[in-house]
């Protein structure tokens, strides 16, 4: 087993993206472990999260509860991680005609290497034409990791207002991301 974001990689990503969990708080409990249908990796979630095939893409696995969602797009083999990252950044909550064309980047294409794993990380806000789960502005983070015979994009969606106001939400999403382990 190899933790996807273990050791120095999570430190680099956390420092670059501001996703470091608040050290004064207890990390959220991730009591359930899930294995991707490919068998390539596992990840952990809180007990109340649902995990299922994404409605818009049956090959994608989506985990979440309420207005939080983390989507896993797995590709066997090692894809070109920059082109895969761009493609995964286009995986949105609604189609291109249902959103404003301009996105507001928090950061983009932050790269990192840890052993045989290479990653690209981008975070941005999208404004949708109609509210989705009561919110028009959403923060999306796309993390693409390629190496050791695997390619995976991990895409998180959270309302921008929730992201800004809730340390607990940021810590929870960080913990789910850090729990990913390649088999």
Protein backbone atom coordinates (compact mmCIF):
# COMPACT_ATOMS: atom_id res chain seq x y z
CA UNK A 1 0.00 0.00 0.00
CA UNK A 2 1.12 3.51 -0.70
CA UNK A 3 -0.61 6.50 0.82
CA UNK A 4 -1.49 8.83 -2.04
CA UNK A 5 -0.65 12.00 -0.20
CA UNK A 6 1.61 10.70 2.49
CA UNK A 7 4.75 12.30 3.81
CA UNK A 8 6.12 15.28 1.98
CA UNK A 9 3.49 15.41 -0.77
CA UNK A 10 0.62 16.35 1.57
CA UNK A 11 2.87 18.95 3.21
CA UNK A 12 3.69 20.52 -0.14
CA UNK A 13 0.05 20.51 -1.24
CA UNK A 14 -1.23 21.81 2.07
CA UNK A 15 1.26 24.67 2.15
CA UNK A 16 0.61 25.59 -1.48
CA UNK A 17 -3.15 25.38 -1.30
CA UNK A 18 -4.06 26.42 2.22
CA UNK A 19 -5.70 23.04 2.85
CA UNK A 20 -3.74 22.25 6.01
CA UNK A 21 -6.10 21.17 8.73
CA UNK A 22 -6.38 23.42 11.75
CA UNK A 23 -3.82 21.90 14.13
CA UNK A 24 -5.81 23.02 17.17
CA UNK A 25 -8.77 20.84 16.28
CA UNK A 26 -9.16 17.09 16.45
CA UNK A 27 -9.15 15.59 12.94
CA UNK A 28 -12.60 14.46 11.79
CA UNK A 29 -13.45 10.79 12.22
CA UNK A 30 -13.28 8.90 8.94
CA UNK A 31 -14.76 5.63 10.14
CA UNK A 32 -15.63 4.04 6.78
CA UNK A 33 -13.09 2.75 4.26
CA UNK A 34 -14.12 2.40 0.61
CA UNK A 35 -12.33 0.56 -2.17
CA UNK A 36 -12.57 1.97 -5.69
CA UNK A 37 -14.20 -0.61 -8.04
CA UNK A 38 -10.88 -0.94 -9.91
CA UNK A 39 -9.20 -2.06 -6.68
CA UNK A 40 -6.46 0.50 -7.33
CA UNK A 41 -7.03 2.65 -4.24
CA UNK A 42 -9.03 3.11 -1.07
CA UNK A 43 -10.25 6.22 0.72
CA UNK A 44 -12.00 6.97 3.98
CA UNK A 45 -15.14 8.99 4.75
CA UNK A 46 -17.31 9.89 7.74
CA UNK A 47 -20.01 7.37 8.61
CA UNK A 48 -22.87 9.47 7.17
CA UNK A 49 -21.38 9.95 3.69
CA UNK A 50 -22.92 8.13 0.73
CA UNK A 51 -20.61 6.60 -1.88
CA UNK A 52 -22.01 5.73 -5.31
CA UNK A 53 -21.46 6.03 -9.04
CA UNK A 54 -21.82 9.65 -10.12
CA UNK A 55 -25.14 10.34 -11.84
CA UNK A 56 -23.46 12.23 -14.69
CA UNK A 57 -20.65 9.68 -15.19
CA UNK A 58 -21.17 6.06 -14.10
CA UNK A 59 -17.40 5.42 -14.31
CA UNK A 60 -16.82 8.10 -11.65
CA UNK A 61 -17.22 7.36 -7.97
CA UNK A 62 -18.73 10.13 -5.86
CA UNK A 63 -18.69 10.44 -2.08
CA UNK A 64 -20.42 13.08 -0.03
CA UNK A 65 -23.16 14.30 2.24
CA UNK A 66 -25.25 17.46 2.21
CA UNK A 67 -23.56 20.02 -0.01
CA UNK A 68 -20.08 18.40 0.05
CA UNK A 69 -18.95 16.09 -2.74
CA UNK A 70 -15.68 14.40 -3.64
CA UNK A 71 -15.51 12.73 -7.04
CA UNK A 72 -12.89 10.16 -8.02
CA UNK A 73 -12.09 9.71 -11.73
CA UNK A 74 -9.74 6.74 -12.17
CA UNK A 75 -7.86 5.79 -15.35
CA UNK A 76 -5.71 2.65 -15.45
CA UNK A 77 -2.15 3.28 -16.54
CA UNK A 78 -0.20 6.48 -16.40
CA UNK A 79 -1.86 9.26 -18.40
CA UNK A 80 -0.22 12.55 -19.31
CA UNK A 81 -0.94 14.28 -16.05
CA UNK A 82 -1.16 17.82 -17.42
CA UNK A 83 -3.73 16.94 -20.10
CA UNK A 84 -5.63 14.71 -17.67
CA UNK A 85 -5.66 17.53 -15.11
CA UNK A 86 -7.13 20.01 -17.60
CA UNK A 87 -9.77 17.48 -18.61
CA UNK A 88 -10.68 16.79 -14.98
CA UNK A 89 -10.92 20.52 -14.20
CA UNK A 90 -13.84 20.60 -16.65
CA UNK A 91 -15.78 18.07 -14.55
CA UNK A 92 -18.33 20.45 -13.03
CA UNK A 93 -21.63 20.32 -11.21
CA UNK A 94 -23.45 21.54 -14.33
CA UNK A 95 -22.70 21.73 -18.05
CA UNK A 96 -20.84 24.60 -19.72
CA UNK A 97 -24.03 26.37 -20.81
CA UNK A 98 -25.27 26.49 -17.19
CA UNK A 99 -22.30 28.41 -15.77
CA UNK A 100 -20.53 31.69 -16.27
CA UNK A 101 -17.55 31.30 -18.61
CA UNK A 102 -15.06 32.96 -16.28
CA UNK A 103 -13.71 31.13 -13.26
CA UNK A 104 -11.87 32.76 -10.39
CA UNK A 105 -8.66 30.85 -9.59
CA UNK A 106 -7.46 30.53 -6.02
CA UNK A 107 -4.36 28.78 -7.39
CA UNK A 108 -3.64 26.68 -10.46
CA UNK A 109 -1.28 23.98 -11.66
CA UNK A 110 0.67 23.60 -8.42
CA UNK A 111 2.90 20.61 -9.10
CA UNK A 112 4.56 18.19 -6.74
CA UNK A 113 6.49 14.92 -6.82
CA UNK A 114 6.66 12.26 -4.12
CA UNK A 115 8.51 9.10 -5.07
CA UNK A 116 6.88 7.74 -8.22
CA UNK A 117 3.80 9.98 -7.90
CA UNK A 118 3.42 13.29 -9.72
CA UNK A 119 0.56 15.64 -9.00
CA UNK A 120 -1.10 18.80 -10.24
CA UNK A 121 -3.46 20.78 -8.04
CA UNK A 122 -5.86 23.62 -8.89
CA UNK A 123 -8.65 25.35 -6.97
CA UNK A 124 -11.16 27.84 -8.30
CA UNK A 125 -14.66 29.28 -7.94
CA UNK A 126 -17.44 28.77 -10.45
CA UNK A 127 -20.69 30.72 -10.63
CA UNK A 128 -23.60 28.67 -11.94
CA UNK A 129 -26.61 30.27 -13.64
CA UNK A 130 -29.09 28.57 -11.31
CA UNK A 131 -28.54 27.55 -7.69
CA UNK A 132 -27.31 24.00 -7.08
CA UNK A 133 -28.34 22.76 -3.64
CA UNK A 134 -29.16 26.37 -2.79
CA UNK A 135 -25.83 27.89 -3.88
CA UNK A 136 -24.72 29.55 -7.11
CA UNK A 137 -21.00 29.99 -6.30
CA UNK A 138 -18.98 26.82 -5.68
CA UNK A 139 -15.33 26.13 -4.93
CA UNK A 140 -13.86 23.27 -6.89
CA UNK A 141 -10.50 21.70 -6.19
CA UNK A 142 -9.02 19.31 -8.72
CA UNK A 143 -6.06 17.17 -7.71
CA UNK A 144 -4.59 14.89 -10.38
CA UNK A 145 -2.11 12.20 -9.37
CA UNK A 146 -0.24 9.98 -11.83
CA UNK A 147 2.31 7.25 -11.12
CA UNK A 148 2.87 3.65 -10.06
CA UNK A 149 0.64 2.53 -12.94
CA UNK A 150 -2.34 4.68 -11.93
CA UNK A 151 -3.98 7.97 -12.88
CA UNK A 152 -6.65 9.51 -10.68
CA UNK A 153 -8.36 12.87 -10.42
CA UNK A 154 -9.92 13.79 -7.11
CA UNK A 155 -12.39 16.63 -7.47
CA UNK A 156 -14.04 18.28 -4.48
CA UNK A 157 -17.08 20.56 -4.65
CA UNK A 158 -18.22 22.80 -1.80
CA UNK A 159 -20.27 26.00 -1.77
CA UNK A 160 -17.83 28.93 -1.66
CA UNK A 161 -19.60 30.49 1.34
CA UNK A 162 -19.30 27.23 3.31
CA UNK A 163 -15.62 26.91 2.37
CA UNK A 164 -14.84 30.42 3.60
CA UNK A 165 -16.71 30.16 6.90
CA UNK A 166 -16.09 26.60 8.06
CA UNK A 167 -12.71 25.35 9.29
CA UNK A 168 -14.42 22.05 10.03
CA UNK A 169 -15.39 21.64 6.37
CA UNK A 170 -11.87 22.44 5.20
CA UNK A 171 -10.41 19.97 7.71
CA UNK A 172 -12.90 17.28 6.68
CA UNK A 173 -12.15 17.60 2.95
CA UNK A 174 -8.42 17.63 3.70
CA UNK A 175 -8.76 14.44 5.75
CA UNK A 176 -10.72 12.61 3.01
CA UNK A 177 -8.09 13.63 0.46
CA UNK A 178 -5.21 12.55 2.71
CA UNK A 179 -6.86 9.17 3.31
CA UNK A 180 -6.48 8.02 -0.32
CA UNK A 181 -4.13 5.04 -0.51
CA UNK A 182 -2.97 3.21 -3.64
CA UNK A 183 -3.00 -0.61 -3.39
